[in-house]
Amino acid sequence: MGLQICPKCKEKSFTWFIGGKFPLPTWSCFDCDYEAKEVESDKQTCKDCGEIAKIKLKDKDKEYAWCSNCNIVNE
């Protein structure tokens, strides 16, 4: 998977990795060091772009839905 646009800093430097004791991916930004855990691995259809690319992410402050296709964040 290529780099995605970070939901925090809006730079194309957001990607995921799997590690640690949880089998779900952790998303991390190389530019701003933002990090979020994927809490639902099943992708859903995004209401904004119609693609099956929306996932749920959780950072230290909030949980939200993010579309990796159109980069829309829904809290």
N, C-alpha and C. Protein backbone atom coordinates (compact mmCIF):
# COMPACT_ATOMS: atom_id res chain seq x y z
N MET A 1 0.84 -1.18 0.00
CA MET A 1 0.00 0.00 0.00
C MET A 1 0.88 1.24 0.00
N GLY A 2 0.53 2.21 -0.80
CA GLY A 2 1.28 3.45 -0.88
C GLY A 2 0.94 4.39 0.25
N LEU A 3 1.61 5.52 0.25
CA LEU A 3 1.35 6.53 1.27
C LEU A 3 0.00 7.19 1.05
N GLN A 4 -0.66 7.52 2.14
CA GLN A 4 -1.95 8.19 2.12
C GLN A 4 -1.79 9.59 2.68
N ILE A 5 -2.82 10.41 2.53
CA ILE A 5 -2.81 11.77 3.09
C ILE A 5 -3.17 11.69 4.57
N CYS A 6 -2.33 12.24 5.41
CA CYS A 6 -2.52 12.21 6.86
C CYS A 6 -3.75 13.03 7.24
N PRO A 7 -4.64 12.47 8.08
CA PRO A 7 -5.82 13.24 8.50
C PRO A 7 -5.49 14.42 9.41
N LYS A 8 -4.28 14.46 9.95
CA LYS A 8 -3.91 15.56 10.84
C LYS A 8 -3.17 16.68 10.10
N CYS A 9 -2.05 16.35 9.44
CA CYS A 9 -1.22 17.39 8.81
C CYS A 9 -1.49 17.56 7.32
N LYS A 10 -2.26 16.65 6.72
CA LYS A 10 -2.65 16.70 5.31
C LYS A 10 -1.50 16.47 4.33
N GLU A 11 -0.39 15.93 4.81
CA GLU A 11 0.74 15.58 3.93
C GLU A 11 0.60 14.12 3.49
N LYS A 12 1.14 13.79 2.34
CA LYS A 12 1.08 12.42 1.84
C LYS A 12 2.22 11.61 2.47
N SER A 13 2.01 11.28 3.75
CA SER A 13 3.04 10.56 4.50
C SER A 13 2.43 9.65 5.56
N PHE A 14 1.22 9.17 5.33
CA PHE A 14 0.47 8.35 6.28
C PHE A 14 0.43 6.92 5.76
N THR A 15 0.87 5.98 6.58
CA THR A 15 0.88 4.57 6.18
C THR A 15 0.63 3.70 7.41
N TRP A 16 0.49 2.42 7.20
CA TRP A 16 0.17 1.52 8.30
C TRP A 16 1.21 0.43 8.46
N PHE A 17 1.23 -0.16 9.64
CA PHE A 17 2.06 -1.33 9.93
C PHE A 17 1.34 -2.18 10.95
N ILE A 18 1.70 -3.45 11.01
CA ILE A 18 1.14 -4.35 12.00
C ILE A 18 2.27 -4.78 12.90
N GLY A 19 2.08 -4.63 14.20
CA GLY A 19 3.10 -5.01 15.16
C GLY A 19 2.53 -5.01 16.56
N GLY A 20 3.29 -5.49 17.49
CA GLY A 20 2.82 -5.52 18.86
C GLY A 20 1.86 -6.66 19.10
N LYS A 21 1.06 -6.53 20.15
CA LYS A 21 0.17 -7.62 20.52
C LYS A 21 -1.21 -7.55 19.89
N PHE A 22 -1.52 -6.48 19.15
CA PHE A 22 -2.82 -6.35 18.52
C PHE A 22 -2.71 -6.65 17.03
N PRO A 23 -3.62 -7.47 16.47
CA PRO A 23 -3.52 -7.84 15.05
C PRO A 23 -4.00 -6.75 14.08
N LEU A 24 -4.61 -5.68 14.60
CA LEU A 24 -5.09 -4.61 13.73
C LEU A 24 -3.96 -3.62 13.43
N PRO A 25 -4.00 -3.00 12.28
CA PRO A 25 -2.94 -2.06 11.88
C PRO A 25 -2.88 -0.80 12.73
N THR A 26 -1.67 -0.27 12.83
CA THR A 26 -1.43 1.05 13.40
C THR A 26 -1.05 1.96 12.25
N TRP A 27 -1.70 3.11 12.16
CA TRP A 27 -1.43 4.09 11.12
C TRP A 27 -0.51 5.16 11.70
N SER A 28 0.47 5.57 10.93
CA SER A 28 1.45 6.52 11.42
C SER A 28 1.86 7.48 10.30
N CYS A 29 2.12 8.74 10.69
CA CYS A 29 2.54 9.76 9.75
C CYS A 29 4.04 10.03 9.92
N PHE A 30 4.77 10.00 8.82
CA PHE A 30 6.20 10.27 8.86
C PHE A 30 6.51 11.75 9.02
N ASP A 31 5.57 12.62 8.67
CA ASP A 31 5.80 14.07 8.76
C ASP A 31 5.53 14.63 10.15
N CYS A 32 4.34 14.36 10.70
CA CYS A 32 3.95 14.99 11.97
C CYS A 32 3.95 14.02 13.16
N ASP A 33 4.32 12.76 12.94
CA ASP A 33 4.36 11.73 13.98
C ASP A 33 2.99 11.38 14.56
N TYR A 34 1.92 11.74 13.86
CA TYR A 34 0.58 11.36 14.30
C TYR A 34 0.43 9.84 14.20
N GLU A 35 -0.27 9.26 15.18
CA GLU A 35 -0.47 7.82 15.18
C GLU A 35 -1.89 7.49 15.61
N ALA A 36 -2.50 6.51 14.96
CA ALA A 36 -3.84 6.06 15.30
C ALA A 36 -3.93 4.55 15.07
N LYS A 37 -4.70 3.89 15.89
CA LYS A 37 -4.94 2.45 15.75
C LYS A 37 -6.21 2.24 14.94
N GLU A 38 -6.18 1.24 14.08
CA GLU A 38 -7.38 0.87 13.35
C GLU A 38 -8.23 0.03 14.28
N VAL A 39 -9.47 0.43 14.54
CA VAL A 39 -10.31 -0.29 15.49
C VAL A 39 -11.33 -1.19 14.80
N GLU A 40 -11.50 -1.02 13.52
CA GLU A 40 -12.39 -1.88 12.74
C GLU A 40 -11.72 -2.16 11.42
N SER A 41 -11.38 -3.42 11.19
CA SER A 41 -10.64 -3.75 9.98
C SER A 41 -11.53 -3.89 8.75
N ASP A 42 -12.85 -4.03 8.94
CA ASP A 42 -13.75 -4.13 7.81
C ASP A 42 -13.97 -2.76 7.18
N LYS A 43 -13.59 -2.63 5.93
CA LYS A 43 -13.79 -1.36 5.24
C LYS A 43 -15.27 -1.21 4.90
N GLN A 44 -15.74 0.02 4.96
CA GLN A 44 -17.13 0.32 4.65
C GLN A 44 -17.17 1.27 3.45
N THR A 45 -18.34 1.39 2.86
CA THR A 45 -18.52 2.31 1.74
C THR A 45 -18.59 3.74 2.27
N CYS A 46 -17.78 4.60 1.70
CA CYS A 46 -17.76 6.01 2.08
C CYS A 46 -18.97 6.71 1.45
N LYS A 47 -19.70 7.46 2.26
CA LYS A 47 -20.87 8.19 1.77
C LYS A 47 -20.47 9.37 0.87
N ASP A 48 -19.24 9.84 1.01
CA ASP A 48 -18.79 11.00 0.23
C ASP A 48 -18.31 10.64 -1.18
N CYS A 49 -17.51 9.54 -1.29
CA CYS A 49 -16.96 9.20 -2.60
C CYS A 49 -17.52 7.91 -3.19
N GLY A 50 -18.22 7.10 -2.38
CA GLY A 50 -18.82 5.87 -2.87
C GLY A 50 -17.89 4.67 -2.93
N GLU A 51 -16.62 4.86 -2.58
CA GLU A 51 -15.65 3.76 -2.60
C GLU A 51 -15.66 2.99 -1.29
N ILE A 52 -15.28 1.72 -1.34
CA ILE A 52 -15.17 0.91 -0.13
C ILE A 52 -13.78 1.14 0.44
N ALA A 53 -13.64 2.25 1.18
CA ALA A 53 -12.32 2.66 1.67
C ALA A 53 -12.39 3.33 3.04
N LYS A 54 -13.54 3.26 3.70
CA LYS A 54 -13.69 3.94 4.99
C LYS A 54 -13.41 2.95 6.12
N ILE A 55 -12.54 3.38 7.06
CA ILE A 55 -12.21 2.57 8.23
C ILE A 55 -12.36 3.42 9.49
N LYS A 56 -12.37 2.77 10.63
CA LYS A 56 -12.43 3.49 11.90
C LYS A 56 -11.03 3.51 12.51
N LEU A 57 -10.61 4.71 12.92
CA LEU A 57 -9.32 4.90 13.57
C LEU A 57 -9.54 5.49 14.96
N LYS A 58 -8.61 5.20 15.87
CA LYS A 58 -8.68 5.76 17.22
C LYS A 58 -7.29 6.24 17.60
N ASP A 59 -7.20 7.53 17.98
CA ASP A 59 -5.94 8.07 18.48
C ASP A 59 -6.09 8.29 19.98
N LYS A 60 -5.17 9.01 20.59
CA LYS A 60 -5.22 9.18 22.04
C LYS A 60 -6.37 10.07 22.51
N ASP A 61 -6.99 10.84 21.58
CA ASP A 61 -8.06 11.76 21.95
C ASP A 61 -9.45 11.37 21.47
N LYS A 62 -9.54 10.69 20.31
CA LYS A 62 -10.86 10.45 19.73
C LYS A 62 -10.88 9.22 18.84
N GLU A 63 -12.08 8.80 18.51
CA GLU A 63 -12.30 7.73 17.54
C GLU A 63 -13.10 8.34 16.39
N TYR A 64 -12.74 8.00 15.16
CA TYR A 64 -13.39 8.60 14.01
C TYR A 64 -13.31 7.68 12.79
N ALA A 65 -14.14 7.97 11.80
CA ALA A 65 -14.10 7.26 10.53
C ALA A 65 -13.27 8.07 9.55
N TRP A 66 -12.45 7.39 8.76
CA TRP A 66 -11.56 8.05 7.80
C TRP A 66 -11.61 7.26 6.49
N CYS A 67 -11.74 7.96 5.39
CA CYS A 67 -11.73 7.33 4.07
C CYS A 67 -10.34 7.50 3.45
N SER A 68 -9.70 6.40 3.12
CA SER A 68 -8.37 6.47 2.51
C SER A 68 -8.43 6.86 1.04
N ASN A 69 -9.61 6.88 0.46
CA ASN A 69 -9.74 7.29 -0.94
C ASN A 69 -9.91 8.81 -1.08
N CYS A 70 -10.85 9.39 -0.34
CA CYS A 70 -11.11 10.83 -0.47
C CYS A 70 -10.61 11.63 0.73
N ASN A 71 -10.08 10.95 1.74
CA ASN A 71 -9.47 11.57 2.93
C ASN A 71 -10.44 12.38 3.78
N ILE A 72 -11.73 12.05 3.71
CA ILE A 72 -12.73 12.70 4.55
C ILE A 72 -12.72 12.06 5.93
N VAL A 73 -12.78 12.88 6.97
CA VAL A 73 -12.86 12.43 8.35
C VAL A 73 -14.26 12.71 8.87
N ASN A 74 -14.90 11.69 9.42
CA ASN A 74 -16.21 11.83 10.06
C ASN A 74 -16.09 11.40 11.51
N GLU A 75 -16.37 12.34 12.40
CA GLU A 75 -16.27 12.03 13.85
C GLU A 75 -17.58 11.53 14.38
